[in-house]
Amino acid sequence: MGKYKDFFIKSFKLESSIGKLYKKKYNTLPKKKKTQKEIDQLGNIQISYAIYYLKKHNPSLDYNEHYSFADPFNYFPNVIITVMITKTNTNHPYLIYSDITTNTIKFLLPFGNGAYQVETTYLDNAILNDELNKFDYMMLFIFFQQNILVRKNTMIRIDQFSLLSCHNISNCTKKMNEINKMKINQVKKKQLKEKYITFYQNKAVKFLTKYFLLLENQEFQEAFMFLRGERGKYKGKERLNTFFKNSKNLVGHLQVFINLYKYMFTTKDKFLSN
């Protein structure tokens, strides 16, 4: 038991292991080297129980989708990991995992300042007090890694936040207004719009690629300056918070990645050094 880690790592026990429940349902045990189909089936069983306990933790939780995979490092071959995404708070997935030979399922609560989320100070203190073992650090690393992937996907897939949508790119919206005022026929207007939308989308991809490359290289201060550009070599230059519409919401979603990457690399280093 940990004084701080118990705030974000929760567990519950089943009447039998996920492996035995799998055998009962499919009349066979999963192979030692599992296929993706078996992993998905085990993950489906795992989440069917986890949702009940997660609903007790957060009554307003509304399931959307999930996906499952095995330990990518192959340190714990009996572990099945499931990422669950909710309809509300899409950017705050849950990580559910278990050793299928035991009857215990664990899950990591989303970090954040919202309802039923956990402030990262609890994680900071758990690390400081040496409460976490190798397995915990591996799960936390995977958790932050998957959180980053989910958030990136949201930025592209959900129109409200999509940084590739013309209405979220300052100069693209200006250009569309200019084209609308042109005294040309609708066919030419449509062609011009498609041309400039593609141009600004490609530019957005380059900007975002540069930002995430800085984060991948752990150049966090440079990433912040590229995002905000308040001083230093990015002052006065085109930067993310001027390229995209002046929306605190959009820029805020990008800034969150800085801490996510920091925690991802911290937990990975801890995992590999334990």
C-alpha atoms as a PDB file:
ATOM      1  CA  MET A   1       0.000   0.000   0.000  1.00  0.00           C
ATOM      2  CA  GLY A   2       1.163   3.509  -0.754  1.00  0.00           C
ATOM      3  CA  LYS A   3       0.224   6.750   0.868  1.00  0.00           C
ATOM      4  CA  TYR A   4       0.027   8.599  -2.450  1.00  0.00           C
ATOM      5  CA  LYS A   5      -0.186   5.970  -5.183  1.00  0.00           C
ATOM      6  CA  ASP A   6      -3.490   4.681  -3.791  1.00  0.00           C
ATOM      7  CA  PHE A   7      -5.066   7.912  -5.024  1.00  0.00           C
ATOM      8  CA  PHE A   8      -4.458   7.026  -8.673  1.00  0.00           C
ATOM      9  CA  ILE A   9      -3.929   3.231  -8.766  1.00  0.00           C
ATOM     10  CA  LYS A  10      -7.115   1.366  -7.870  1.00  0.00           C
ATOM     11  CA  SER A  11      -7.829  -2.371  -7.814  1.00  0.00           C
ATOM     12  CA  PHE A  12     -10.675  -4.830  -7.312  1.00  0.00           C
ATOM     13  CA  LYS A  13     -10.952  -8.596  -7.112  1.00  0.00           C
ATOM     14  CA  LEU A  14     -13.050 -10.950  -9.225  1.00  0.00           C
ATOM     15  CA  GLU A  15     -14.421 -14.360  -8.288  1.00  0.00           C
ATOM     16  CA  SER A  16     -11.798 -15.907 -10.580  1.00  0.00           C
ATOM     17  CA  SER A  17      -9.008 -14.882 -12.937  1.00  0.00           C
ATOM     18  CA  ILE A  18      -9.522 -13.379 -16.398  1.00  0.00           C
ATOM     19  CA  GLY A  19      -7.805 -16.510 -17.787  1.00  0.00           C
ATOM     20  CA  LYS A  20     -10.370 -18.808 -16.161  1.00  0.00           C
ATOM     21  CA  LEU A  21     -13.234 -16.595 -17.269  1.00  0.00           C
ATOM     22  CA  TYR A  22     -11.806 -16.811 -20.793  1.00  0.00           C
ATOM     23  CA  LYS A  23     -11.707 -20.600 -20.598  1.00  0.00           C
ATOM     24  CA  LYS A  24     -15.282 -20.700 -19.340  1.00  0.00           C
ATOM     25  CA  LYS A  25     -16.450 -18.546 -22.249  1.00  0.00           C
ATOM     26  CA  TYR A  26     -14.356 -19.997 -25.081  1.00  0.00           C
ATOM     27  CA  ASN A  27     -13.736 -23.535 -23.723  1.00  0.00           C
ATOM     28  CA  THR A  28      -9.965 -23.139 -24.120  1.00  0.00           C
ATOM     29  CA  LEU A  29      -7.092 -21.332 -22.437  1.00  0.00           C
ATOM     30  CA  PRO A  30      -5.375 -18.439 -24.234  1.00  0.00           C
ATOM     31  CA  LYS A  31      -2.033 -19.338 -25.766  1.00  0.00           C
ATOM     32  CA  LYS A  32       1.215 -18.350 -24.095  1.00  0.00           C
ATOM     33  CA  LYS A  33       2.033 -16.258 -27.158  1.00  0.00           C
ATOM     34  CA  LYS A  34      -1.336 -14.627 -27.679  1.00  0.00           C
ATOM     35  CA  THR A  35      -2.814 -13.544 -30.987  1.00  0.00           C
ATOM     36  CA  GLN A  36      -4.393 -10.107 -31.261  1.00  0.00           C
ATOM     37  CA  LYS A  37      -7.793 -11.809 -31.421  1.00  0.00           C
ATOM     38  CA  GLU A  38      -7.151 -13.497 -28.048  1.00  0.00           C
ATOM     39  CA  ILE A  39      -5.865 -10.213 -26.605  1.00  0.00           C
ATOM     40  CA  ASP A  40      -9.020  -8.456 -27.768  1.00  0.00           C
ATOM     41  CA  GLN A  41     -11.206 -11.196 -26.279  1.00  0.00           C
ATOM     42  CA  LEU A  42      -9.359 -11.041 -22.949  1.00  0.00           C
ATOM     43  CA  GLY A  43      -9.608  -7.255 -23.018  1.00  0.00           C
ATOM     44  CA  ASN A  44     -13.357  -7.474 -23.639  1.00  0.00           C
ATOM     45  CA  ILE A  45     -13.781  -9.678 -20.579  1.00  0.00           C
ATOM     46  CA  GLN A  46     -11.559  -7.397 -18.538  1.00  0.00           C
ATOM     47  CA  ILE A  47     -13.435  -4.221 -19.420  1.00  0.00           C
ATOM     48  CA  SER A  48     -16.856  -5.808 -18.916  1.00  0.00           C
ATOM     49  CA  TYR A  49     -15.980  -6.109 -15.217  1.00  0.00           C
ATOM     50  CA  ALA A  50     -13.966  -2.901 -15.002  1.00  0.00           C
ATOM     51  CA  ILE A  51     -16.838  -0.708 -16.230  1.00  0.00           C
ATOM     52  CA  TYR A  52     -18.928  -1.724 -13.223  1.00  0.00           C
ATOM     53  CA  TYR A  53     -16.211  -0.592 -10.794  1.00  0.00           C
ATOM     54  CA  LEU A  54     -15.357   2.516 -12.787  1.00  0.00           C
ATOM     55  CA  LYS A  55     -19.035   3.506 -12.729  1.00  0.00           C
ATOM     56  CA  LYS A  56     -18.915   3.232  -8.943  1.00  0.00           C
ATOM     57  CA  HIS A  57     -15.904   5.524  -8.949  1.00  0.00           C
ATOM     58  CA  ASN A  58     -17.467   7.966 -11.432  1.00  0.00           C
ATOM     59  CA  PRO A  59     -21.278   7.669 -11.824  1.00  0.00           C
ATOM     60  CA  SER A  60     -21.275  10.129 -14.738  1.00  0.00           C
ATOM     61  CA  LEU A  61     -18.807   8.044 -16.743  1.00  0.00           C
ATOM     62  CA  ASP A  62     -20.106   7.301 -20.240  1.00  0.00           C
ATOM     63  CA  TYR A  63     -18.233   4.554 -22.121  1.00  0.00           C
ATOM     64  CA  ASN A  64     -17.281   5.224 -25.738  1.00  0.00           C
ATOM     65  CA  GLU A  65     -14.693   2.687 -26.937  1.00  0.00           C
ATOM     66  CA  HIS A  66     -11.698   0.629 -25.856  1.00  0.00           C
ATOM     67  CA  TYR A  67      -8.716  -1.235 -27.279  1.00  0.00           C
ATOM     68  CA  SER A  68      -6.378  -3.815 -25.776  1.00  0.00           C
ATOM     69  CA  PHE A  69      -2.780  -4.969 -26.145  1.00  0.00           C
ATOM     70  CA  ALA A  70      -0.129  -7.029 -24.382  1.00  0.00           C
ATOM     71  CA  ASP A  71       2.941  -5.763 -22.516  1.00  0.00           C
ATOM     72  CA  PRO A  72       4.945  -4.116 -25.347  1.00  0.00           C
ATOM     73  CA  PHE A  73       8.210  -4.821 -23.499  1.00  0.00           C
ATOM     74  CA  ASN A  74       7.333  -8.490 -22.897  1.00  0.00           C
ATOM     75  CA  TYR A  75       8.437  -8.254 -19.258  1.00  0.00           C
ATOM     76  CA  PHE A  76       5.028  -9.436 -18.075  1.00  0.00           C
ATOM     77  CA  PRO A  77       3.636 -11.818 -20.729  1.00  0.00           C
ATOM     78  CA  ASN A  78       0.451 -12.570 -18.784  1.00  0.00           C
ATOM     79  CA  VAL A  79      -0.588  -8.923 -18.551  1.00  0.00           C
ATOM     80  CA  ILE A  80      -3.403  -7.565 -20.706  1.00  0.00           C
ATOM     81  CA  ILE A  81      -3.734  -3.781 -20.978  1.00  0.00           C
ATOM     82  CA  THR A  82      -6.934  -2.006 -22.008  1.00  0.00           C
ATOM     83  CA  VAL A  83      -7.364   1.684 -22.761  1.00  0.00           C
ATOM     84  CA  MET A  84     -10.918   2.933 -22.252  1.00  0.00           C
ATOM     85  CA  ILE A  85     -12.048   6.212 -23.790  1.00  0.00           C
ATOM     86  CA  THR A  86     -15.171   7.931 -22.518  1.00  0.00           C
ATOM     87  CA  LYS A  87     -17.642  10.149 -24.382  1.00  0.00           C
ATOM     88  CA  THR A  88     -17.158  12.938 -21.879  1.00  0.00           C
ATOM     89  CA  ASN A  89     -13.572  13.946 -21.093  1.00  0.00           C
ATOM     90  CA  THR A  90     -12.362  12.230 -24.263  1.00  0.00           C
ATOM     91  CA  ASN A  91      -8.797  13.348 -23.566  1.00  0.00           C
ATOM     92  CA  HIS A  92      -8.700  11.580 -20.190  1.00  0.00           C
ATOM     93  CA  PRO A  93      -8.729   7.819 -20.867  1.00  0.00           C
ATOM     94  CA  TYR A  94      -8.581   5.121 -18.203  1.00  0.00           C
ATOM     95  CA  LEU A  95      -5.899   2.411 -18.250  1.00  0.00           C
ATOM     96  CA  ILE A  96      -7.140  -1.012 -17.106  1.00  0.00           C
ATOM     97  CA  TYR A  97      -4.770  -3.938 -16.675  1.00  0.00           C
ATOM     98  CA  SER A  98      -4.405  -7.343 -15.067  1.00  0.00           C
ATOM     99  CA  ASP A  99      -2.271 -10.443 -14.889  1.00  0.00           C
ATOM    100  CA  ILE A 100      -4.766 -12.916 -16.324  1.00  0.00           C
ATOM    101  CA  THR A 101      -3.508 -15.679 -13.993  1.00  0.00           C
ATOM    102  CA  THR A 102      -4.726 -13.685 -10.955  1.00  0.00           C
ATOM    103  CA  ASN A 103      -8.180 -12.454  -9.971  1.00  0.00           C
ATOM    104  CA  THR A 104      -7.149  -8.801  -9.502  1.00  0.00           C
ATOM    105  CA  ILE A 105      -7.856  -6.034 -11.992  1.00  0.00           C
ATOM    106  CA  LYS A 106      -6.206  -2.640 -11.612  1.00  0.00           C
ATOM    107  CA  PHE A 107      -6.879   0.687 -13.249  1.00  0.00           C
ATOM    108  CA  LEU A 108      -5.190   4.071 -13.403  1.00  0.00           C
ATOM    109  CA  LEU A 109      -7.390   7.104 -12.871  1.00  0.00           C
ATOM    110  CA  PRO A 110      -6.999  10.038 -15.268  1.00  0.00           C
ATOM    111  CA  PHE A 111      -4.783  12.863 -14.088  1.00  0.00           C
ATOM    112  CA  GLY A 112      -6.242  16.345 -14.191  1.00  0.00           C
ATOM    113  CA  ASN A 113      -8.188  18.974 -12.275  1.00  0.00           C
ATOM    114  CA  GLY A 114     -11.665  17.810 -13.254  1.00  0.00           C
ATOM    115  CA  ALA A 115     -14.213  15.817 -11.285  1.00  0.00           C
ATOM    116  CA  TYR A 116     -13.069  12.247 -10.483  1.00  0.00           C
ATOM    117  CA  GLN A 117      -9.573  13.062 -11.796  1.00  0.00           C
ATOM    118  CA  VAL A 118      -6.373  13.064  -9.733  1.00  0.00           C
ATOM    119  CA  GLU A 119      -3.903  15.926  -9.451  1.00  0.00           C
ATOM    120  CA  THR A 120      -0.372  15.045 -10.581  1.00  0.00           C
ATOM    121  CA  THR A 121       1.002  16.138  -7.196  1.00  0.00           C
ATOM    122  CA  TYR A 122      -0.025  12.686  -5.921  1.00  0.00           C
ATOM    123  CA  LEU A 123       2.132  11.091  -8.612  1.00  0.00           C
ATOM    124  CA  ASP A 124       5.008  13.461  -7.830  1.00  0.00           C
ATOM    125  CA  ASN A 125       4.849  12.503  -4.152  1.00  0.00           C
ATOM    126  CA  ALA A 126       4.545   8.774  -4.911  1.00  0.00           C
ATOM    127  CA  ILE A 127       7.747   9.043  -6.981  1.00  0.00           C
ATOM    128  CA  LEU A 128       9.476  11.128  -4.309  1.00  0.00           C
ATOM    129  CA  ASN A 129       8.547   8.635  -1.568  1.00  0.00           C
ATOM    130  CA  ASP A 130       9.678   5.640  -3.653  1.00  0.00           C
ATOM    131  CA  GLU A 131       6.224   4.023  -3.523  1.00  0.00           C
ATOM    132  CA  LEU A 132       6.249   2.699  -7.093  1.00  0.00           C
ATOM    133  CA  ASN A 133       7.847  -0.500  -8.390  1.00  0.00           C
ATOM    134  CA  LYS A 134       9.006  -1.466 -11.886  1.00  0.00           C
ATOM    135  CA  PHE A 135       5.560  -2.727 -12.886  1.00  0.00           C
ATOM    136  CA  ASP A 136       3.869   0.482 -11.673  1.00  0.00           C
ATOM    137  CA  TYR A 137       6.306   2.625 -13.640  1.00  0.00           C
ATOM    138  CA  MET A 138       5.794   0.570 -16.782  1.00  0.00           C
ATOM    139  CA  MET A 139       2.026   1.014 -16.526  1.00  0.00           C
ATOM    140  CA  LEU A 140       2.372   4.735 -15.889  1.00  0.00           C
ATOM    141  CA  PHE A 141       4.688   5.094 -18.883  1.00  0.00           C
ATOM    142  CA  ILE A 142       2.167   3.259 -21.089  1.00  0.00           C
ATOM    143  CA  PHE A 143      -0.621   5.354 -19.576  1.00  0.00           C
ATOM    144  CA  PHE A 144       1.024   8.661 -20.531  1.00  0.00           C
ATOM    145  CA  GLN A 145       2.067   7.300 -23.909  1.00  0.00           C
ATOM    146  CA  GLN A 146      -1.520   6.268 -24.693  1.00  0.00           C
ATOM    147  CA  ASN A 147      -2.874   9.543 -23.336  1.00  0.00           C
ATOM    148  CA  ILE A 148      -0.677  11.397 -25.803  1.00  0.00           C
ATOM    149  CA  LEU A 149      -1.914   9.200 -28.668  1.00  0.00           C
ATOM    150  CA  VAL A 150      -5.564   9.681 -27.682  1.00  0.00           C
ATOM    151  CA  ARG A 151      -5.139  13.459 -27.456  1.00  0.00           C
ATOM    152  CA  LYS A 152      -3.384  13.644 -30.826  1.00  0.00           C
ATOM    153  CA  ASN A 153      -6.204  11.625 -32.354  1.00  0.00           C
ATOM    154  CA  THR A 154      -8.788  13.969 -30.803  1.00  0.00           C
ATOM    155  CA  MET A 155      -7.012  16.982 -32.284  1.00  0.00           C
ATOM    156  CA  ILE A 156      -7.443  15.520 -35.758  1.00  0.00           C
ATOM    157  CA  ARG A 157     -10.742  13.654 -35.495  1.00  0.00           C
ATOM    158  CA  ILE A 158     -13.013  15.979 -33.500  1.00  0.00           C
ATOM    159  CA  ASP A 159     -13.831  19.062 -35.549  1.00  0.00           C
ATOM    160  CA  GLN A 160     -14.147  21.377 -32.549  1.00  0.00           C
ATOM    161  CA  PHE A 161     -10.486  20.857 -31.665  1.00  0.00           C
ATOM    162  CA  SER A 162      -9.088  19.825 -35.039  1.00  0.00           C
ATOM    163  CA  LEU A 163      -5.986  21.842 -35.760  1.00  0.00           C
ATOM    164  CA  LEU A 164      -6.248  20.840 -39.410  1.00  0.00           C
ATOM    165  CA  SER A 165      -9.653  22.485 -39.886  1.00  0.00           C
ATOM    166  CA  CYS A 166      -9.566  25.747 -41.807  1.00  0.00           C
ATOM    167  CA  HIS A 167     -11.813  27.492 -39.259  1.00  0.00           C
ATOM    168  CA  ASN A 168      -9.128  26.954 -36.586  1.00  0.00           C
ATOM    169  CA  ILE A 169      -6.300  28.432 -38.705  1.00  0.00           C
ATOM    170  CA  SER A 170      -6.144  32.237 -38.620  1.00  0.00           C
ATOM    171  CA  ASN A 171      -4.906  32.938 -42.147  1.00  0.00           C
ATOM    172  CA  CYS A 172      -7.063  30.206 -43.670  1.00  0.00           C
ATOM    173  CA  THR A 173     -10.258  31.806 -42.380  1.00  0.00           C
ATOM    174  CA  LYS A 174      -9.058  35.196 -43.637  1.00  0.00           C
ATOM    175  CA  LYS A 175      -8.372  33.712 -47.054  1.00  0.00           C
ATOM    176  CA  MET A 176     -11.823  32.115 -47.209  1.00  0.00           C
ATOM    177  CA  ASN A 177     -13.398  35.506 -46.461  1.00  0.00           C
ATOM    178  CA  GLU A 178     -11.305  37.112 -49.211  1.00  0.00           C
ATOM    179  CA  ILE A 179     -12.376  34.464 -51.722  1.00  0.00           C
ATOM    180  CA  ASN A 180     -16.037  34.867 -50.760  1.00  0.00           C
ATOM    181  CA  LYS A 181     -15.807  38.573 -51.642  1.00  0.00           C
ATOM    182  CA  MET A 182     -14.182  37.929 -55.044  1.00  0.00           C
ATOM    183  CA  LYS A 183     -16.283  38.630 -58.143  1.00  0.00           C
ATOM    184  CA  ILE A 184     -15.734  35.222 -59.691  1.00  0.00           C
ATOM    185  CA  ASN A 185     -18.071  32.307 -60.330  1.00  0.00           C
ATOM    186  CA  GLN A 186     -18.768  29.623 -57.722  1.00  0.00           C
ATOM    187  CA  VAL A 187     -16.700  26.969 -59.520  1.00  0.00           C
ATOM    188  CA  LYS A 188     -13.562  29.126 -59.365  1.00  0.00           C
ATOM    189  CA  LYS A 189     -14.307  30.043 -55.751  1.00  0.00           C
ATOM    190  CA  LYS A 190     -14.543  26.377 -54.842  1.00  0.00           C
ATOM    191  CA  GLN A 191     -11.254  25.604 -56.629  1.00  0.00           C
ATOM    192  CA  LEU A 192      -9.485  28.476 -54.892  1.00  0.00           C
ATOM    193  CA  LYS A 193     -10.838  27.442 -51.497  1.00  0.00           C
ATOM    194  CA  GLU A 194      -9.693  23.845 -51.940  1.00  0.00           C
ATOM    195  CA  LYS A 195      -6.241  25.054 -53.019  1.00  0.00           C
ATOM    196  CA  TYR A 196      -5.740  27.287 -49.965  1.00  0.00           C
ATOM    197  CA  ILE A 197      -7.293  24.868 -47.492  1.00  0.00           C
ATOM    198  CA  THR A 198      -4.761  22.256 -48.623  1.00  0.00           C
ATOM    199  CA  PHE A 199      -1.954  24.837 -48.421  1.00  0.00           C
ATOM    200  CA  TYR A 200      -2.776  25.825 -44.837  1.00  0.00           C
ATOM    201  CA  GLN A 201      -3.419  22.241 -43.749  1.00  0.00           C
ATOM    202  CA  ASN A 202       0.041  21.269 -44.976  1.00  0.00           C
ATOM    203  CA  LYS A 203       1.490  24.247 -43.130  1.00  0.00           C
ATOM    204  CA  ALA A 204      -0.355  23.206 -39.962  1.00  0.00           C
ATOM    205  CA  VAL A 205       1.097  19.697 -40.248  1.00  0.00           C
ATOM    206  CA  LYS A 206       4.621  21.171 -40.490  1.00  0.00           C
ATOM    207  CA  PHE A 207       4.042  23.364 -37.438  1.00  0.00           C
ATOM    208  CA  LEU A 208       2.654  20.509 -35.356  1.00  0.00           C
ATOM    209  CA  THR A 209       5.402  18.147 -36.522  1.00  0.00           C
ATOM    210  CA  LYS A 210       8.031  20.636 -35.378  1.00  0.00           C
ATOM    211  CA  TYR A 211       6.294  21.092 -32.004  1.00  0.00           C
ATOM    212  CA  PHE A 212       6.024  17.377 -31.313  1.00  0.00           C
ATOM    213  CA  LEU A 213       9.578  16.755 -32.494  1.00  0.00           C
ATOM    214  CA  LEU A 214      10.780  19.220 -29.849  1.00  0.00           C
ATOM    215  CA  LEU A 215       8.778  17.292 -27.247  1.00  0.00           C
ATOM    216  CA  GLU A 216      10.084  13.913 -28.467  1.00  0.00           C
ATOM    217  CA  ASN A 217      13.611  15.307 -28.096  1.00  0.00           C
ATOM    218  CA  GLN A 218      12.736  16.535 -24.580  1.00  0.00           C
ATOM    219  CA  GLU A 219      13.375  20.147 -25.568  1.00  0.00           C
ATOM    220  CA  PHE A 220      10.523  21.307 -23.364  1.00  0.00           C
ATOM    221  CA  GLN A 221      11.511  24.957 -22.978  1.00  0.00           C
ATOM    222  CA  GLU A 222      11.989  25.278 -26.732  1.00  0.00           C
ATOM    223  CA  ALA A 223       8.573  23.688 -27.271  1.00  0.00           C
ATOM    224  CA  PHE A 224       6.984  26.177 -24.869  1.00  0.00           C
ATOM    225  CA  MET A 225       8.657  29.102 -26.627  1.00  0.00           C
ATOM    226  CA  PHE A 226       7.560  27.788 -30.027  1.00  0.00           C
ATOM    227  CA  LEU A 227       4.025  27.525 -28.670  1.00  0.00           C
ATOM    228  CA  ARG A 228       3.939  30.918 -26.956  1.00  0.00           C
ATOM    229  CA  GLY A 229       6.812  32.843 -28.551  1.00  0.00           C
ATOM    230  CA  GLU A 230       6.834  35.478 -25.834  1.00  0.00           C
ATOM    231  CA  ARG A 231      10.594  36.021 -25.843  1.00  0.00           C
ATOM    232  CA  GLY A 232      13.836  34.629 -27.247  1.00  0.00           C
ATOM    233  CA  LYS A 233      14.306  33.453 -30.798  1.00  0.00           C
ATOM    234  CA  TYR A 234      10.577  32.950 -31.429  1.00  0.00           C
ATOM    235  CA  LYS A 235       9.568  36.472 -30.403  1.00  0.00           C
ATOM    236  CA  GLY A 236       7.880  38.262 -33.289  1.00  0.00           C
ATOM    237  CA  LYS A 237       7.963  35.167 -35.493  1.00  0.00           C
ATOM    238  CA  GLU A 238       5.065  33.050 -36.634  1.00  0.00           C
ATOM    239  CA  ARG A 239       4.315  30.575 -33.890  1.00  0.00           C
ATOM    240  CA  LEU A 240       1.601  28.140 -32.893  1.00  0.00           C
ATOM    241  CA  ASN A 241      -0.541  30.534 -30.876  1.00  0.00           C
ATOM    242  CA  THR A 242      -0.672  33.022 -33.773  1.00  0.00           C
ATOM    243  CA  PHE A 243      -0.824  30.516 -36.621  1.00  0.00           C
ATOM    244  CA  PHE A 244      -3.921  28.974 -35.087  1.00  0.00           C
ATOM    245  CA  LYS A 245      -6.859  31.123 -34.079  1.00  0.00           C
ATOM    246  CA  ASN A 246      -6.306  33.074 -30.892  1.00  0.00           C
ATOM    247  CA  SER A 247      -8.117  30.506 -28.798  1.00  0.00           C
ATOM    248  CA  LYS A 248      -6.948  29.794 -25.266  1.00  0.00           C
ATOM    249  CA  ASN A 249      -8.732  26.479 -25.560  1.00  0.00           C
ATOM    250  CA  LEU A 250      -6.762  25.280 -28.595  1.00  0.00           C
ATOM    251  CA  VAL A 251      -3.408  26.554 -27.329  1.00  0.00           C
ATOM    252  CA  GLY A 252      -4.187  25.107 -23.903  1.00  0.00           C
ATOM    253  CA  HIS A 253      -4.765  21.680 -25.454  1.00  0.00           C
ATOM    254  CA  LEU A 254      -1.341  21.897 -27.073  1.00  0.00           C
ATOM    255  CA  GLN A 255       0.405  23.109 -23.932  1.00  0.00           C
ATOM    256  CA  VAL A 256      -0.889  20.101 -21.964  1.00  0.00           C
ATOM    257  CA  PHE A 257       1.370  17.900 -24.100  1.00  0.00           C
ATOM    258  CA  ILE A 258       4.470  19.398 -22.469  1.00  0.00           C
ATOM    259  CA  ASN A 259       3.670  17.910 -19.066  1.00  0.00           C
ATOM    260  CA  LEU A 260       2.412  14.669 -20.589  1.00  0.00           C
ATOM    261  CA  TYR A 261       5.731  14.174 -22.378  1.00  0.00           C
ATOM    262  CA  LYS A 262       7.664  15.078 -19.221  1.00  0.00           C
ATOM    263  CA  TYR A 263       5.811  12.434 -17.208  1.00  0.00           C
ATOM    264  CA  MET A 264       6.090   9.903 -20.013  1.00  0.00           C
ATOM    265  CA  PHE A 265       9.882  10.219 -20.112  1.00  0.00           C
ATOM    266  CA  THR A 266      10.189  10.336 -16.308  1.00  0.00           C
ATOM    267  CA  THR A 267       8.173   7.137 -15.789  1.00  0.00           C
ATOM    268  CA  LYS A 268       9.957   5.415 -18.663  1.00  0.00           C
ATOM    269  CA  ASP A 269      13.364   6.230 -17.166  1.00  0.00           C
ATOM    270  CA  LYS A 270      12.199   4.984 -13.761  1.00  0.00           C
ATOM    271  CA  PHE A 271      10.830   1.803 -15.305  1.00  0.00           C
ATOM    272  CA  LEU A 272      14.021   1.031 -17.220  1.00  0.00           C
ATOM    273  CA  SER A 273      16.296   1.797 -14.256  1.00  0.00           C
ATOM    274  CA  ASN A 274      14.418  -0.334 -11.710  1.00  0.00           C
END
